[in-house]
């Protein structure tokens, strides 16, 4: 059985391996992170605390008003969005079209 060396084989006769798509993403989907569930718990805690403190109509003063509660919810949600943006800023997806060498 005769064999050929690579030097004798022309470029058109070489067999190339199929290119695979390589994903180098470093971050998980948002719902798979603990930060997402911590944000949900913090928002729930803020809203429950605002309801609990303001639930009694006989109270002289509502110390934790709805405006303050929603301000805190907005701050927590904005902080979560910023943290996700920072986490994703360093990650990227690469299509397998480029040579990695």
Protein backbone atom coordinates (compact mmCIF):
# COMPACT_ATOMS: atom_id res chain seq x y z
CA UNK A 1 0.00 0.00 0.00
CA UNK A 2 1.45 3.30 -1.03
CA UNK A 3 1.28 6.36 1.17
CA UNK A 4 1.82 9.98 0.33
CA UNK A 5 3.59 12.51 2.46
CA UNK A 6 2.03 15.90 3.23
CA UNK A 7 4.63 17.60 1.09
CA UNK A 8 3.36 15.83 -2.03
CA UNK A 9 -0.33 16.41 -1.40
CA UNK A 10 -1.71 19.54 -3.05
CA UNK A 11 -3.68 22.20 -1.18
CA UNK A 12 -6.91 21.17 -2.88
CA UNK A 13 -6.53 17.55 -1.74
CA UNK A 14 -6.05 18.24 1.95
CA UNK A 15 -8.98 17.50 4.20
CA UNK A 16 -9.83 20.23 6.65
CA UNK A 17 -11.58 19.62 9.90
CA UNK A 18 -14.97 21.33 10.12
CA UNK A 19 -14.93 24.57 12.06
CA UNK A 20 -16.81 24.54 15.30
CA UNK A 21 -18.47 27.48 16.93
CA UNK A 22 -16.57 28.37 20.06
CA UNK A 23 -18.36 30.23 22.79
CA UNK A 24 -16.11 31.93 25.30
CA UNK A 25 -18.88 33.60 27.29
CA UNK A 26 -17.90 34.04 30.92
CA UNK A 27 -21.27 34.98 32.38
CA UNK A 28 -24.36 32.96 33.09
CA UNK A 29 -27.90 33.81 32.17
CA UNK A 30 -29.32 36.34 34.64
CA UNK A 31 -31.85 33.98 36.19
CA UNK A 32 -29.09 31.46 37.00
CA UNK A 33 -27.12 33.83 39.21
CA UNK A 34 -27.36 34.27 42.96
CA UNK A 35 -27.36 38.04 42.50
CA UNK A 36 -30.72 37.81 40.73
CA UNK A 37 -32.31 35.95 43.62
CA UNK A 38 -30.67 38.28 46.14
CA UNK A 39 -32.19 41.23 44.28
CA UNK A 40 -35.63 39.60 44.29
CA UNK A 41 -35.31 38.90 48.03
CA UNK A 42 -34.17 42.48 48.75
CA UNK A 43 -37.05 43.97 46.78
CA UNK A 44 -39.54 41.67 48.48
CA UNK A 45 -38.07 42.58 51.86
CA UNK A 46 -38.34 46.30 51.15
CA UNK A 47 -41.95 46.05 50.00
CA UNK A 48 -42.96 43.80 52.91
CA UNK A 49 -41.29 46.13 55.40
CA UNK A 50 -43.08 49.13 53.91
CA UNK A 51 -46.40 47.30 54.09
CA UNK A 52 -45.75 46.00 57.62
CA UNK A 53 -44.86 49.41 59.04
CA UNK A 54 -47.68 51.21 57.24
CA UNK A 55 -50.39 48.56 57.74
CA UNK A 56 -51.85 50.06 60.90
CA UNK A 57 -54.24 52.95 60.19
CA UNK A 58 -54.18 54.04 63.82
CA UNK A 59 -50.48 54.81 63.70
CA UNK A 60 -49.66 58.46 64.24
CA UNK A 61 -47.02 58.54 61.51
CA UNK A 62 -46.08 56.18 58.72
CA UNK A 63 -42.31 56.01 59.14
CA UNK A 64 -41.67 54.04 55.95
CA UNK A 65 -43.81 55.61 53.26
CA UNK A 66 -44.43 54.13 49.83
CA UNK A 67 -42.33 56.78 48.09
CA UNK A 68 -39.26 55.79 50.11
CA UNK A 69 -39.92 52.07 49.58
CA UNK A 70 -40.16 52.48 45.81
CA UNK A 71 -37.03 54.63 45.83
CA UNK A 72 -35.15 51.80 47.54
CA UNK A 73 -36.58 49.26 45.09
CA UNK A 74 -35.36 51.43 42.21
CA UNK A 75 -31.90 51.74 43.76
CA UNK A 76 -31.62 47.96 44.26
CA UNK A 77 -32.78 47.25 40.68
CA UNK A 78 -30.40 49.85 39.21
CA UNK A 79 -27.48 48.45 41.22
CA UNK A 80 -28.30 44.97 39.93
CA UNK A 81 -28.37 46.21 36.34
CA UNK A 82 -25.02 47.94 36.77
CA UNK A 83 -23.49 44.80 38.30
CA UNK A 84 -24.76 42.66 35.38
CA UNK A 85 -23.38 45.18 32.93
CA UNK A 86 -19.98 45.09 34.60
CA UNK A 87 -20.02 41.30 34.64
CA UNK A 88 -20.83 41.13 30.94
CA UNK A 89 -18.41 43.87 29.90
CA UNK A 90 -15.47 41.48 30.06
CA UNK A 91 -17.17 38.57 28.31
CA UNK A 92 -17.60 37.99 24.61
CA UNK A 93 -18.78 35.38 22.14
CA UNK A 94 -16.51 34.41 19.33
CA UNK A 95 -17.72 32.73 16.21
CA UNK A 96 -15.41 29.95 15.03
CA UNK A 97 -14.69 31.79 11.77
CA UNK A 98 -11.40 33.31 12.99
CA UNK A 99 -8.23 31.37 13.55
CA UNK A 100 -7.37 31.21 17.21
CA UNK A 101 -3.64 30.96 16.57
